[in-house]
Amino acid sequence: METSTRNHKLQATSYRLIFAMKKRFLLRLDPRLYDALAKWAADDLRSVNAQIEYLLSRAAREAGRLGEDENEGEPPDEPQSKDL
């Protein structure tokens, strides 16, 4: 088996494991809120899903709702401003 094919299969397997660990649920949003989140996500170079997860994680952390152990696997911090 070629190295690139083997690496691709390993990468696909690791993505499946990551997605299997995440909780899935349906979220209904006002279309205006979704549009605002989509624009914000694009500005931060994230998907809408990643942006929502980032914002919820940040809010939960700031409210003291996440324990220290639960910070593992949280979305990355906000990127630096593009204006710098």
C-alpha atoms as a PDB file:
ATOM      1  CA  MET A   1       0.000   0.000   0.000  1.00  0.00           C
ATOM      2  CA  GLU A   2       1.311   3.445  -0.907  1.00  0.00           C
ATOM      3  CA  THR A   3       2.324   5.703   1.954  1.00  0.00           C
ATOM      4  CA  SER A   4      -0.034   8.489   0.832  1.00  0.00           C
ATOM      5  CA  THR A   5      -2.984   6.070   0.654  1.00  0.00           C
ATOM      6  CA  ARG A   6      -2.162   4.691   4.103  1.00  0.00           C
ATOM      7  CA  ASN A   7      -1.860   8.230   5.539  1.00  0.00           C
ATOM      8  CA  HIS A   8      -5.177   9.204   3.972  1.00  0.00           C
ATOM      9  CA  LYS A   9      -6.894   6.168   5.536  1.00  0.00           C
ATOM     10  CA  LEU A  10      -5.380   6.930   8.949  1.00  0.00           C
ATOM     11  CA  GLN A  11      -6.476  10.551   8.709  1.00  0.00           C
ATOM     12  CA  ALA A  12     -10.021   9.544   7.722  1.00  0.00           C
ATOM     13  CA  THR A  13     -10.165   7.126  10.663  1.00  0.00           C
ATOM     14  CA  SER A  14      -9.001   9.792  13.120  1.00  0.00           C
ATOM     15  CA  TYR A  15     -11.650  12.236  11.845  1.00  0.00           C
ATOM     16  CA  ARG A  16     -14.330   9.579  12.344  1.00  0.00           C
ATOM     17  CA  LEU A  17     -13.165   9.041  15.920  1.00  0.00           C
ATOM     18  CA  ILE A  18     -13.260  12.769  16.663  1.00  0.00           C
ATOM     19  CA  PHE A  19     -16.769  13.129  15.227  1.00  0.00           C
ATOM     20  CA  ALA A  20     -17.937  10.024  17.106  1.00  0.00           C
ATOM     21  CA  MET A  21     -16.927  11.688  20.388  1.00  0.00           C
ATOM     22  CA  LYS A  22     -18.966  14.856  19.769  1.00  0.00           C
ATOM     23  CA  LYS A  23     -22.597  15.113  20.813  1.00  0.00           C
ATOM     24  CA  ARG A  24     -24.980  15.812  17.931  1.00  0.00           C
ATOM     25  CA  PHE A  25     -28.242  17.704  18.301  1.00  0.00           C
ATOM     26  CA  LEU A  26     -30.606  19.806  16.246  1.00  0.00           C
ATOM     27  CA  LEU A  27     -30.441  23.567  16.737  1.00  0.00           C
ATOM     28  CA  ARG A  28     -33.089  25.864  15.339  1.00  0.00           C
ATOM     29  CA  LEU A  29     -31.989  29.463  14.823  1.00  0.00           C
ATOM     30  CA  ASP A  30     -33.624  32.617  13.608  1.00  0.00           C
ATOM     31  CA  PRO A  31     -32.398  33.182  10.026  1.00  0.00           C
ATOM     32  CA  ARG A  32     -31.003  36.613  10.935  1.00  0.00           C
ATOM     33  CA  LEU A  33     -28.978  35.094  13.794  1.00  0.00           C
ATOM     34  CA  TYR A  34     -27.681  32.351  11.512  1.00  0.00           C
ATOM     35  CA  ASP A  35     -26.626  34.930   8.905  1.00  0.00           C
ATOM     36  CA  ALA A  36     -24.819  36.964  11.557  1.00  0.00           C
ATOM     37  CA  LEU A  37     -23.049  33.825  12.830  1.00  0.00           C
ATOM     38  CA  ALA A  38     -22.107  32.813   9.287  1.00  0.00           C
ATOM     39  CA  LYS A  39     -20.525  36.225   8.609  1.00  0.00           C
ATOM     40  CA  TRP A  40     -18.730  36.163  11.968  1.00  0.00           C
ATOM     41  CA  ALA A  41     -17.464  32.628  11.310  1.00  0.00           C
ATOM     42  CA  ALA A  42     -16.155  33.654   7.885  1.00  0.00           C
ATOM     43  CA  ASP A  43     -14.330  36.602   9.460  1.00  0.00           C
ATOM     44  CA  ASP A  44     -12.708  34.215  11.959  1.00  0.00           C
ATOM     45  CA  LEU A  45     -11.974  31.577   9.287  1.00  0.00           C
ATOM     46  CA  ARG A  46     -14.233  29.017  10.981  1.00  0.00           C
ATOM     47  CA  SER A  47     -17.265  26.990   9.971  1.00  0.00           C
ATOM     48  CA  VAL A  48     -20.598  28.086  11.437  1.00  0.00           C
ATOM     49  CA  ASN A  49     -20.589  24.957  13.605  1.00  0.00           C
ATOM     50  CA  ALA A  50     -17.073  25.696  14.914  1.00  0.00           C
ATOM     51  CA  GLN A  51     -18.056  29.327  15.578  1.00  0.00           C
ATOM     52  CA  ILE A  52     -21.101  28.285  17.608  1.00  0.00           C
ATOM     53  CA  GLU A  53     -18.996  25.769  19.556  1.00  0.00           C
ATOM     54  CA  TYR A  54     -16.319  28.411  20.173  1.00  0.00           C
ATOM     55  CA  LEU A  55     -18.847  30.976  21.419  1.00  0.00           C
ATOM     56  CA  LEU A  56     -20.627  28.483  23.669  1.00  0.00           C
ATOM     57  CA  SER A  57     -17.325  27.197  25.100  1.00  0.00           C
ATOM     58  CA  ARG A  58     -16.124  30.730  25.783  1.00  0.00           C
ATOM     59  CA  ALA A  59     -19.411  31.685  27.458  1.00  0.00           C
ATOM     60  CA  ALA A  60     -19.423  28.529  29.596  1.00  0.00           C
ATOM     61  CA  ARG A  61     -15.781  29.072  30.591  1.00  0.00           C
ATOM     62  CA  GLU A  62     -16.395  32.735  31.497  1.00  0.00           C
ATOM     63  CA  ALA A  63     -19.458  31.737  33.546  1.00  0.00           C
ATOM     64  CA  GLY A  64     -17.386  29.172  35.436  1.00  0.00           C
ATOM     65  CA  ARG A  65     -19.439  26.278  34.060  1.00  0.00           C
ATOM     66  CA  LEU A  66     -16.471  24.341  32.643  1.00  0.00           C
ATOM     67  CA  GLY A  67     -14.175  22.577  35.052  1.00  0.00           C
ATOM     68  CA  GLU A  68     -10.429  22.538  34.402  1.00  0.00           C
ATOM     69  CA  ASP A  69     -10.620  18.987  32.985  1.00  0.00           C
ATOM     70  CA  GLU A  70     -13.290  20.057  30.516  1.00  0.00           C
ATOM     71  CA  ASN A  71     -11.032  22.625  28.804  1.00  0.00           C
ATOM     72  CA  GLU A  72      -9.373  19.783  26.896  1.00  0.00           C
ATOM     73  CA  GLY A  73     -10.498  19.748  23.293  1.00  0.00           C
ATOM     74  CA  GLU A  74     -12.025  23.201  23.401  1.00  0.00           C
ATOM     75  CA  PRO A  75     -11.948  25.281  20.237  1.00  0.00           C
ATOM     76  CA  PRO A  76      -8.842  27.418  19.712  1.00  0.00           C
ATOM     77  CA  ASP A  77      -8.719  30.987  20.941  1.00  0.00           C
ATOM     78  CA  GLU A  78      -9.885  33.804  18.736  1.00  0.00           C
ATOM     79  CA  PRO A  79      -7.449  34.504  15.870  1.00  0.00           C
ATOM     80  CA  GLN A  80      -5.458  37.713  15.826  1.00  0.00           C
ATOM     81  CA  SER A  81      -7.043  40.651  14.051  1.00  0.00           C
ATOM     82  CA  LYS A  82      -6.364  40.778  10.329  1.00  0.00           C
ATOM     83  CA  ASP A  83      -5.613  44.500  10.677  1.00  0.00           C
ATOM     84  CA  LEU A  84      -2.331  43.894  12.532  1.00  0.00           C
END
